[in-house]
N, C-alpha and C. Protein backbone atom coordinates (compact mmCIF):
# COMPACT_ATOMS: atom_id res chain seq x y z
N MET A 1 10.67 -21.28 -14.49
CA MET A 1 10.63 -21.59 -15.71
C MET A 1 9.47 -21.15 -16.32
N CYS A 2 8.41 -21.49 -15.90
CA CYS A 2 7.25 -21.31 -16.66
C CYS A 2 7.13 -19.88 -16.79
N ALA A 3 7.44 -18.93 -15.82
CA ALA A 3 7.23 -17.70 -15.95
C ALA A 3 7.89 -17.02 -17.51
N GLY A 4 9.18 -17.30 -17.04
CA GLY A 4 10.20 -17.50 -18.63
C GLY A 4 9.95 -17.89 -19.74
N ALA A 5 9.09 -19.14 -19.69
CA ALA A 5 8.51 -19.43 -21.12
C ALA A 5 7.61 -18.55 -21.39
N LEU A 6 6.75 -18.09 -20.43
CA LEU A 6 5.40 -17.02 -20.95
C LEU A 6 6.17 -16.02 -21.50
N VAL A 7 6.87 -15.57 -20.99
CA VAL A 7 7.85 -14.21 -21.72
C VAL A 7 8.20 -14.37 -22.90
N HIS A 8 8.89 -15.79 -23.26
CA HIS A 8 9.69 -15.71 -24.44
C HIS A 8 8.66 -16.39 -25.79
N ALA A 9 7.41 -16.95 -25.32
CA ALA A 9 6.49 -16.92 -26.00
C ALA A 9 5.32 -16.03 -26.10
N ARG A 10 5.92 -14.42 -25.73
CA ARG A 10 5.18 -13.51 -26.04
C ARG A 10 3.37 -13.85 -25.59
N ILE A 11 3.35 -14.26 -24.52
CA ILE A 11 2.21 -14.52 -23.86
C ILE A 11 1.38 -12.93 -23.42
N LYS A 12 0.05 -12.38 -23.64
CA LYS A 12 -0.06 -11.03 -23.52
C LYS A 12 -0.54 -10.88 -22.05
N ARG A 13 -1.45 -12.36 -21.52
CA ARG A 13 -1.92 -12.08 -20.20
C ARG A 13 -2.10 -13.13 -19.83
N VAL A 14 -1.68 -13.43 -18.22
CA VAL A 14 -2.03 -14.56 -17.24
C VAL A 14 -2.74 -14.39 -16.58
N VAL A 15 -3.34 -15.40 -15.93
CA VAL A 15 -4.80 -15.41 -14.67
C VAL A 15 -4.29 -16.53 -13.98
N PHE A 16 -3.92 -16.33 -13.30
CA PHE A 16 -3.72 -17.57 -11.95
C PHE A 16 -4.63 -17.37 -10.41
N ALA A 17 -4.77 -18.58 -9.66
CA ALA A 17 -5.27 -18.78 -8.47
C ALA A 17 -4.56 -17.88 -7.83
N THR A 18 -3.43 -18.58 -7.36
CA THR A 18 -2.26 -18.48 -6.31
C THR A 18 -1.29 -18.38 -6.85
N ALA A 19 -0.36 -17.82 -5.73
CA ALA A 19 1.09 -17.36 -5.73
C ALA A 19 1.68 -18.57 -5.00
N GLN A 20 2.69 -18.95 -5.86
CA GLN A 20 3.65 -19.81 -4.33
C GLN A 20 4.18 -18.97 -3.50
N PHE A 21 4.32 -19.73 -2.41
CA PHE A 21 4.36 -19.25 -1.05
C PHE A 21 5.93 -18.35 -1.10
N ARG A 22 6.91 -19.57 -1.53
CA ARG A 22 8.22 -19.03 -1.00
C ARG A 22 9.01 -18.78 -1.71
N ILE A 23 9.04 -19.14 -3.03
CA ILE A 23 9.62 -18.11 -4.21
C ILE A 23 8.46 -17.85 -5.11
N LYS A 24 8.16 -16.40 -5.19
CA LYS A 24 7.36 -15.75 -6.09
C LYS A 24 8.42 -14.92 -6.90
N SER A 25 8.02 -15.48 -8.54
CA SER A 25 8.56 -14.86 -9.25
C SER A 25 7.78 -14.01 -10.20
N VAL A 26 6.17 -13.83 -10.05
CA VAL A 26 5.21 -12.97 -10.39
C VAL A 26 4.74 -12.03 -9.13
N GLY A 27 5.17 -10.86 -9.69
CA GLY A 27 4.35 -9.87 -8.61
C GLY A 27 5.05 -9.64 -7.37
N SER A 28 6.32 -10.23 -7.45
CA SER A 28 7.28 -9.87 -6.18
C SER A 28 8.14 -8.73 -6.44
N GLY A 29 8.19 -8.14 -5.25
CA GLY A 29 9.07 -6.86 -5.65
C GLY A 29 10.65 -7.34 -5.58
N ILE A 30 11.08 -8.36 -5.33
CA ILE A 30 12.28 -8.90 -5.34
C ILE A 30 12.68 -9.32 -6.78
N PHE A 31 11.42 -10.44 -7.28
CA PHE A 31 12.12 -10.90 -8.00
C PHE A 31 10.60 -11.46 -9.40
N ASP A 32 10.54 -10.34 -10.15
CA ASP A 32 9.08 -10.33 -11.09
C ASP A 32 9.36 -10.63 -12.66
N ILE A 33 9.45 -12.07 -12.95
CA ILE A 33 9.76 -12.05 -14.54
C ILE A 33 9.07 -11.61 -15.60
N LEU A 34 7.79 -11.31 -14.99
CA LEU A 34 6.72 -11.12 -16.56
C LEU A 34 7.08 -9.55 -16.26
N ASN A 35 7.55 -8.73 -15.40
CA ASN A 35 7.71 -7.32 -15.71
C ASN A 35 9.11 -6.77 -15.40
N ASN A 36 9.82 -7.77 -15.81
CA ASN A 36 11.62 -7.48 -15.64
C ASN A 36 11.34 -6.01 -16.38
N TYR A 37 12.59 -4.96 -15.98
CA TYR A 37 12.70 -4.02 -17.04
C TYR A 37 13.89 -4.41 -17.92
N ARG A 38 14.72 -5.54 -17.87
CA ARG A 38 15.53 -5.78 -18.78
C ARG A 38 14.68 -6.71 -19.85
N SER A 39 13.73 -6.89 -19.65
CA SER A 39 13.20 -7.84 -21.04
C SER A 39 12.38 -6.69 -21.71
N ASN A 40 12.34 -7.18 -23.05
CA ASN A 40 11.32 -6.48 -24.14
C ASN A 40 10.10 -6.72 -24.15
N HIS A 41 9.47 -7.51 -23.50
CA HIS A 41 8.31 -8.40 -23.43
C HIS A 41 7.88 -7.86 -22.15
N TYR A 42 6.66 -7.51 -22.16
CA TYR A 42 5.93 -7.34 -20.54
C TYR A 42 4.40 -8.05 -20.97
N ILE A 43 4.19 -8.97 -19.39
CA ILE A 43 2.74 -9.81 -18.95
C ILE A 43 1.85 -9.06 -18.31
N LEU A 44 0.23 -8.80 -18.85
CA LEU A 44 -0.29 -8.65 -17.97
C LEU A 44 -0.55 -9.90 -16.90
N HIS A 45 -0.82 -9.30 -15.60
CA HIS A 45 -0.95 -10.31 -14.56
C HIS A 45 -2.19 -10.11 -13.91
N ASN A 46 -2.90 -11.18 -13.63
CA ASN A 46 -3.88 -11.18 -12.82
C ASN A 46 -3.84 -12.40 -11.44
N SER A 47 -3.88 -12.11 -10.33
CA SER A 47 -4.07 -13.59 -9.44
C SER A 47 -4.57 -13.01 -8.18
N GLY A 48 -5.16 -14.28 -7.72
CA GLY A 48 -5.89 -14.36 -6.45
C GLY A 48 -7.76 -14.77 -6.77
N ILE A 49 -7.76 -15.34 -8.28
CA ILE A 49 -8.81 -15.82 -8.29
C ILE A 49 -9.21 -17.19 -7.80
N LEU A 50 -10.31 -17.04 -6.69
CA LEU A 50 -10.50 -18.48 -6.15
C LEU A 50 -9.26 -18.76 -5.42
N ALA A 51 -8.19 -17.82 -4.96
CA ALA A 51 -6.96 -18.16 -4.07
C ALA A 51 -7.36 -19.39 -2.99
N LYS A 52 -8.64 -18.99 -1.90
CA LYS A 52 -8.68 -19.77 -0.90
C LYS A 52 -8.58 -21.17 -1.20
N LYS A 53 -9.48 -21.43 -2.01
CA LYS A 53 -9.98 -22.87 -2.82
C LYS A 53 -8.99 -23.47 -3.53
N SER A 54 -8.10 -22.72 -3.86
CA SER A 54 -6.90 -23.33 -5.01
C SER A 54 -5.90 -23.64 -3.66
N GLN A 55 -5.53 -22.82 -2.96
CA GLN A 55 -4.34 -23.21 -2.04
C GLN A 55 -5.02 -24.64 -1.36
N ASP A 56 -6.44 -24.78 -0.92
CA ASP A 56 -6.68 -25.97 -0.29
C ASP A 56 -6.80 -26.92 -1.18
N LEU A 57 -6.97 -27.02 -2.41
CA LEU A 57 -6.72 -28.03 -3.14
C LEU A 57 -5.45 -28.48 -3.62
N LEU A 58 -4.39 -27.67 -3.50
CA LEU A 58 -2.90 -27.91 -3.99
C LEU A 58 -2.51 -28.68 -2.57
N ARG A 59 -3.03 -28.03 -1.52
CA ARG A 59 -2.54 -28.38 -0.16
C ARG A 59 -2.95 -30.20 0.05
N GLN A 60 -4.14 -30.20 -0.23
CA GLN A 60 -5.03 -31.64 -0.15
C GLN A 60 -3.98 -32.52 -0.97
N PHE A 61 -3.95 -32.28 -2.26
CA PHE A 61 -3.03 -32.88 -3.30
C PHE A 61 -1.34 -33.26 -2.87
N PHE A 62 -0.65 -32.32 -2.36
CA PHE A 62 0.66 -32.39 -1.81
C PHE A 62 0.47 -33.65 -1.02
N ARG A 63 -0.68 -33.13 0.20
CA ARG A 63 -0.69 -34.27 1.33
C ARG A 63 -0.57 -35.49 1.00
N THR A 64 -1.55 -36.03 0.19
CA THR A 64 -1.55 -37.50 -0.30
C THR A 64 -0.71 -37.74 -1.07
N ARG A 65 0.43 -37.12 -1.73
CA ARG A 65 1.20 -37.47 -2.51
C ARG A 65 2.78 -37.82 -1.20
N ARG A 66 2.48 -37.79 -0.19
CA ARG A 66 3.79 -37.55 0.52
C ARG A 66 3.46 -38.94 1.37
């Protein structure tokens, strides 16, 4: 949903720390919403910025929530 909202909002560039493990909708060869050839808008994206630290923070957060 977020990637679709970015396309509709005509965002030019997205930078994020880490991708979702199970269903990647950005940068995946199977399902890449930001660069879908059917869309009339493409978004530049960079990922992996502080990926390890971000993954650890997310894991810790969801462990405490469970």
